[in-house]
Amino acid sequence: MKKKSTAAIPRRPAAMGRGESKAPLWLAALFAACLAGATWHACLPPVVAAAYGIFSISAFTVYAIDKSAAHHGRWRTPEKTLHLLALIGGWPGALLAQKLLRHKSREPSFQAVFLLTVLANCAMLGWFFYTRPTPLTSS
């Protein structure tokens, strides 16, 4: 009996397969909605929301470039750079890239540090809200 070749079996990408959690996508969308709401209600300067957007797009782009480099055996982006982008506000874009591009999503040590950068970034944003005087409201 001939042995079947596994090379001809089509594989479904795991990025959005059955049983995969869409929580990262919802988390990034919820965070963006909260930023937009805080900006709309003058609780957050528009430059902060814009910075999150710019850093998220940058992080997604760097992840995509790194994924391509990994696939083609080219120079890779250092993990420190990926973590720095997440720390300064690009974590929503990084989270989307990890989920949609399936890049760096299965490395436990990377994920542990990534989680710490997300928590640190959210703590800094929380500190900003806590120490900022409330906006004046007219009576």
C-alpha atoms as a PDB file:
ATOM      1  CA  MET A   1       0.000   0.000   0.000  1.00  0.00           C
ATOM      2  CA  LYS A   2       1.300   3.464  -0.927  1.00  0.00           C
ATOM      3  CA  LYS A   3       1.823   6.042   1.763  1.00  0.00           C
ATOM      4  CA  LYS A   4      -0.077   9.308   1.199  1.00  0.00           C
ATOM      5  CA  SER A   5       1.930  12.472   0.915  1.00  0.00           C
ATOM      6  CA  THR A   6       0.975  15.105   3.483  1.00  0.00           C
ATOM      7  CA  ALA A   7       2.258  17.917   1.240  1.00  0.00           C
ATOM      8  CA  ALA A   8      -0.884  17.810  -0.915  1.00  0.00           C
ATOM      9  CA  ILE A   9      -3.301  18.163   1.995  1.00  0.00           C
ATOM     10  CA  PRO A  10      -4.573  21.731   2.107  1.00  0.00           C
ATOM     11  CA  ARG A  11      -4.387  23.390   5.494  1.00  0.00           C
ATOM     12  CA  ARG A  12      -6.671  26.028   6.830  1.00  0.00           C
ATOM     13  CA  PRO A  13      -4.861  28.981   8.376  1.00  0.00           C
ATOM     14  CA  ALA A  14      -5.190  28.931  12.141  1.00  0.00           C
ATOM     15  CA  ALA A  15      -5.656  32.691  12.414  1.00  0.00           C
ATOM     16  CA  MET A  16      -9.437  32.584  12.392  1.00  0.00           C
ATOM     17  CA  GLY A  17     -10.176  28.893  12.516  1.00  0.00           C
ATOM     18  CA  ARG A  18     -12.934  27.307  14.501  1.00  0.00           C
ATOM     19  CA  GLY A  19     -12.409  27.373  18.230  1.00  0.00           C
ATOM     20  CA  GLU A  20      -9.994  30.318  17.988  1.00  0.00           C
ATOM     21  CA  SER A  21     -10.764  33.144  20.365  1.00  0.00           C
ATOM     22  CA  LYS A  22     -11.638  36.483  18.866  1.00  0.00           C
ATOM     23  CA  ALA A  23     -11.076  38.141  22.251  1.00  0.00           C
ATOM     24  CA  PRO A  24      -7.908  39.992  21.128  1.00  0.00           C
ATOM     25  CA  LEU A  25      -9.839  41.579  18.277  1.00  0.00           C
ATOM     26  CA  TRP A  26     -12.635  42.618  20.610  1.00  0.00           C
ATOM     27  CA  LEU A  27     -10.162  43.899  23.202  1.00  0.00           C
ATOM     28  CA  ALA A  28      -8.396  46.106  20.654  1.00  0.00           C
ATOM     29  CA  ALA A  29     -11.747  47.401  19.350  1.00  0.00           C
ATOM     30  CA  LEU A  30     -13.017  48.090  22.878  1.00  0.00           C
ATOM     31  CA  PHE A  31      -9.829  49.947  23.764  1.00  0.00           C
ATOM     32  CA  ALA A  32     -10.117  52.067  20.594  1.00  0.00           C
ATOM     33  CA  ALA A  33     -13.757  52.826  21.404  1.00  0.00           C
ATOM     34  CA  CYS A  34     -12.829  53.859  24.964  1.00  0.00           C
ATOM     35  CA  LEU A  35     -10.077  56.132  23.644  1.00  0.00           C
ATOM     36  CA  ALA A  36     -12.503  57.698  21.178  1.00  0.00           C
ATOM     37  CA  GLY A  37     -15.119  58.174  23.902  1.00  0.00           C
ATOM     38  CA  ALA A  38     -12.630  59.694  26.334  1.00  0.00           C
ATOM     39  CA  THR A  39     -11.434  62.058  23.625  1.00  0.00           C
ATOM     40  CA  TRP A  40     -14.990  62.979  22.606  1.00  0.00           C
ATOM     41  CA  HIS A  41     -15.906  63.817  26.220  1.00  0.00           C
ATOM     42  CA  ALA A  42     -12.718  65.894  26.667  1.00  0.00           C
ATOM     43  CA  CYS A  43     -11.265  63.512  29.243  1.00  0.00           C
ATOM     44  CA  LEU A  44      -8.313  62.740  27.011  1.00  0.00           C
ATOM     45  CA  PRO A  45      -6.386  65.114  24.756  1.00  0.00           C
ATOM     46  CA  PRO A  46      -6.806  64.213  21.074  1.00  0.00           C
ATOM     47  CA  VAL A  47      -3.026  63.941  20.712  1.00  0.00           C
ATOM     48  CA  VAL A  48      -3.025  60.921  23.064  1.00  0.00           C
ATOM     49  CA  ALA A  49      -5.637  59.071  21.000  1.00  0.00           C
ATOM     50  CA  ALA A  50      -3.782  60.015  17.811  1.00  0.00           C
ATOM     51  CA  ALA A  51      -0.514  58.717  19.294  1.00  0.00           C
ATOM     52  CA  TYR A  52      -2.157  55.371  20.088  1.00  0.00           C
ATOM     53  CA  GLY A  53      -3.382  55.186  16.508  1.00  0.00           C
ATOM     54  CA  ILE A  54       0.007  56.033  15.024  1.00  0.00           C
ATOM     55  CA  PHE A  55       1.898  53.644  17.297  1.00  0.00           C
ATOM     56  CA  SER A  56      -0.641  50.862  16.654  1.00  0.00           C
ATOM     57  CA  ILE A  57      -0.331  51.230  12.890  1.00  0.00           C
ATOM     58  CA  SER A  58       3.448  51.322  13.271  1.00  0.00           C
ATOM     59  CA  ALA A  59       3.458  48.198  15.458  1.00  0.00           C
ATOM     60  CA  PHE A  60       1.222  46.299  13.017  1.00  0.00           C
ATOM     61  CA  THR A  61       3.504  47.302  10.145  1.00  0.00           C
ATOM     62  CA  VAL A  62       6.675  46.265  11.984  1.00  0.00           C
ATOM     63  CA  TYR A  63       5.105  42.904  12.885  1.00  0.00           C
ATOM     64  CA  ALA A  64       4.149  42.376   9.230  1.00  0.00           C
ATOM     65  CA  ILE A  65       7.679  43.216   8.077  1.00  0.00           C
ATOM     66  CA  ASP A  66       9.151  40.893  10.712  1.00  0.00           C
ATOM     67  CA  LYS A  67       6.783  38.086   9.694  1.00  0.00           C
ATOM     68  CA  SER A  68       7.857  38.482   6.087  1.00  0.00           C
ATOM     69  CA  ALA A  69      11.525  38.546   7.101  1.00  0.00           C
ATOM     70  CA  ALA A  70      11.059  35.357   9.126  1.00  0.00           C
ATOM     71  CA  HIS A  71       9.371  33.672   6.176  1.00  0.00           C
ATOM     72  CA  HIS A  72      12.110  34.676   3.727  1.00  0.00           C
ATOM     73  CA  GLY A  73      15.104  34.183   6.044  1.00  0.00           C
ATOM     74  CA  ARG A  74      16.031  37.871   6.181  1.00  0.00           C
ATOM     75  CA  TRP A  75      17.135  40.109   9.047  1.00  0.00           C
ATOM     76  CA  ARG A  76      14.592  40.105  11.892  1.00  0.00           C
ATOM     77  CA  THR A  77      13.277  42.905  14.058  1.00  0.00           C
ATOM     78  CA  PRO A  78      14.624  42.540  17.609  1.00  0.00           C
ATOM     79  CA  GLU A  79      12.003  41.518  20.171  1.00  0.00           C
ATOM     80  CA  LYS A  80      13.013  44.537  22.269  1.00  0.00           C
ATOM     81  CA  THR A  81      11.789  46.772  19.459  1.00  0.00           C
ATOM     82  CA  LEU A  82       8.444  44.961  19.275  1.00  0.00           C
ATOM     83  CA  HIS A  83       8.030  45.268  23.046  1.00  0.00           C
ATOM     84  CA  LEU A  84       8.998  48.948  23.030  1.00  0.00           C
ATOM     85  CA  LEU A  85       6.349  49.661  20.390  1.00  0.00           C
ATOM     86  CA  ALA A  86       3.770  47.895  22.559  1.00  0.00           C
ATOM     87  CA  LEU A  87       4.878  49.769  25.682  1.00  0.00           C
ATOM     88  CA  ILE A  88       4.625  53.237  24.139  1.00  0.00           C
ATOM     89  CA  GLY A  89       1.077  52.642  22.938  1.00  0.00           C
ATOM     90  CA  GLY A  90       1.208  50.337  19.941  1.00  0.00           C
ATOM     91  CA  TRP A  91      -0.072  47.291  21.790  1.00  0.00           C
ATOM     92  CA  PRO A  92      -3.534  47.301  20.131  1.00  0.00           C
ATOM     93  CA  GLY A  93      -1.872  47.116  16.694  1.00  0.00           C
ATOM     94  CA  ALA A  94       0.612  44.529  17.947  1.00  0.00           C
ATOM     95  CA  LEU A  95      -2.231  42.450  19.360  1.00  0.00           C
ATOM     96  CA  LEU A  96      -4.074  42.580  16.041  1.00  0.00           C
ATOM     97  CA  ALA A  97      -0.899  41.633  14.172  1.00  0.00           C
ATOM     98  CA  GLN A  98      -0.293  38.687  16.480  1.00  0.00           C
ATOM     99  CA  LYS A  99      -3.831  37.461  15.885  1.00  0.00           C
ATOM    100  CA  LEU A 100      -4.281  38.210  12.186  1.00  0.00           C
ATOM    101  CA  LEU A 101      -0.733  37.472  11.010  1.00  0.00           C
ATOM    102  CA  ARG A 102      -0.128  34.646  13.506  1.00  0.00           C
ATOM    103  CA  HIS A 103       3.208  36.181  14.410  1.00  0.00           C
ATOM    104  CA  LYS A 104       4.825  35.845  17.847  1.00  0.00           C
ATOM    105  CA  SER A 105       1.544  34.491  19.204  1.00  0.00           C
ATOM    106  CA  ARG A 106       2.828  31.066  20.273  1.00  0.00           C
ATOM    107  CA  GLU A 107       6.038  32.027  22.063  1.00  0.00           C
ATOM    108  CA  PRO A 108       5.308  31.919  25.813  1.00  0.00           C
ATOM    109  CA  SER A 109       8.298  34.047  26.838  1.00  0.00           C
ATOM    110  CA  PHE A 110       7.419  36.711  24.258  1.00  0.00           C
ATOM    111  CA  GLN A 111       3.756  36.659  25.281  1.00  0.00           C
ATOM    112  CA  ALA A 112       4.656  37.038  28.970  1.00  0.00           C
ATOM    113  CA  VAL A 113       6.725  40.164  28.303  1.00  0.00           C
ATOM    114  CA  PHE A 114       4.082  41.451  25.877  1.00  0.00           C
ATOM    115  CA  LEU A 115       1.420  41.114  28.584  1.00  0.00           C
ATOM    116  CA  LEU A 116       3.633  43.088  30.974  1.00  0.00           C
ATOM    117  CA  THR A 117       4.039  45.863  28.385  1.00  0.00           C
ATOM    118  CA  VAL A 118       0.254  46.024  27.891  1.00  0.00           C
ATOM    119  CA  LEU A 119      -0.343  46.184  31.644  1.00  0.00           C
ATOM    120  CA  ALA A 120       2.367  48.832  32.078  1.00  0.00           C
ATOM    121  CA  ASN A 121       0.915  50.919  29.254  1.00  0.00           C
ATOM    122  CA  CYS A 122      -2.604  50.666  30.669  1.00  0.00           C
ATOM    123  CA  ALA A 123      -1.272  51.543  34.143  1.00  0.00           C
ATOM    124  CA  MET A 124       0.412  54.658  32.711  1.00  0.00           C
ATOM    125  CA  LEU A 125      -2.825  55.658  30.986  1.00  0.00           C
ATOM    126  CA  GLY A 126      -4.735  55.040  34.219  1.00  0.00           C
ATOM    127  CA  TRP A 127      -2.218  57.166  36.121  1.00  0.00           C
ATOM    128  CA  PHE A 128      -2.761  59.929  33.565  1.00  0.00           C
ATOM    129  CA  PHE A 129      -6.524  59.829  34.188  1.00  0.00           C
ATOM    130  CA  TYR A 130      -6.070  59.653  37.959  1.00  0.00           C
ATOM    131  CA  THR A 131      -3.659  62.593  38.232  1.00  0.00           C
ATOM    132  CA  ARG A 132      -5.343  64.802  35.633  1.00  0.00           C
ATOM    133  CA  PRO A 133      -7.845  67.281  37.007  1.00  0.00           C
ATOM    134  CA  THR A 134     -11.384  66.597  35.879  1.00  0.00           C
ATOM    135  CA  PRO A 135     -12.625  68.781  33.035  1.00  0.00           C
ATOM    136  CA  LEU A 136     -14.595  71.820  34.139  1.00  0.00           C
ATOM    137  CA  THR A 137     -18.271  71.549  33.420  1.00  0.00           C
ATOM    138  CA  SER A 138     -20.587  74.500  33.064  1.00  0.00           C
ATOM    139  CA  SER A 139     -23.687  74.592  35.249  1.00  0.00           C
END
